[in-house]
């Protein structure tokens, strides 16, 4: 049946084609894997070195590298959780009516938000004690816990800005309407403002988590046994063969890509779903 009309509203609605799951297609990962892992192996086949094939060596070390990557994820989730809790409180402090609280929260947010992540990590590593004494009992303070604290500082500052920006983005009429209904400021904030801010905060929060996950490799510089540290140790155990560098580090790159890319695509979907006008 053919529709002929000058009115666009009378045209039949066409169902959009479904997008691939999370926008992830096979050709997104395949070239990266071939270039980073298989390429050096082909080059190795043309050398006179009689050592074991790089792919075989990589497969032997893959379980250990995967364990290190899981530790990276533990650090990222822990730092994100801690930074989100403290950062949310800090963000609410930035909209406080008390000048001292508002000014102090702003200063802490700007200080840690504009500080290099690696410097904050070194700060946590070398200025925090190696053990804590409680009632004569010495409790060790491990490096991985210091790494979580160090990485949570910039996360805290960025979450603070996300919360402040989301609250400020709502029309002032929301506050005025709540005030006309005799809501207190706390009731307005928790029952009206923050629930509306969730959809505004979720996409940037997920982007921040992806950035944090990729930044966890900084912990290798301070001796935490995560995937980059274990990769260096594995290469050293294999005698530092140069043909192993690209396959091993390409494998690490591939792990982070497979984990972070779906998060990025899901974030794009949320941005479209929660599109906010004004």
Foldseek 3Di string as FASTA:
>chain_A
DDDDDPDPVPDDDDDDDDAPQLNDDPVVQVVLLCVLAVVLQVVVVPDPDPDDGLVVLCVVCVVVLVVLLVLLVVLLVLLLVVLLVLLLVLLVQCVDPDVVSNVVSVVQLVVLQPDDLLVLLVCLQPVDDQWDADPNDTGGDDSSNSNSVSLSSNSSSVSSVLNNVLLVPDDCVLVVVCVVVVDDPVCSVVPPRVVLSCLVSVLVSLVVSLVSSVVSVSSVVVPDRHNVVSLVVSCVVVVVPVSNVSNSVSVVVSVSCVVSSSSNSVSVVSCVVSPDDD
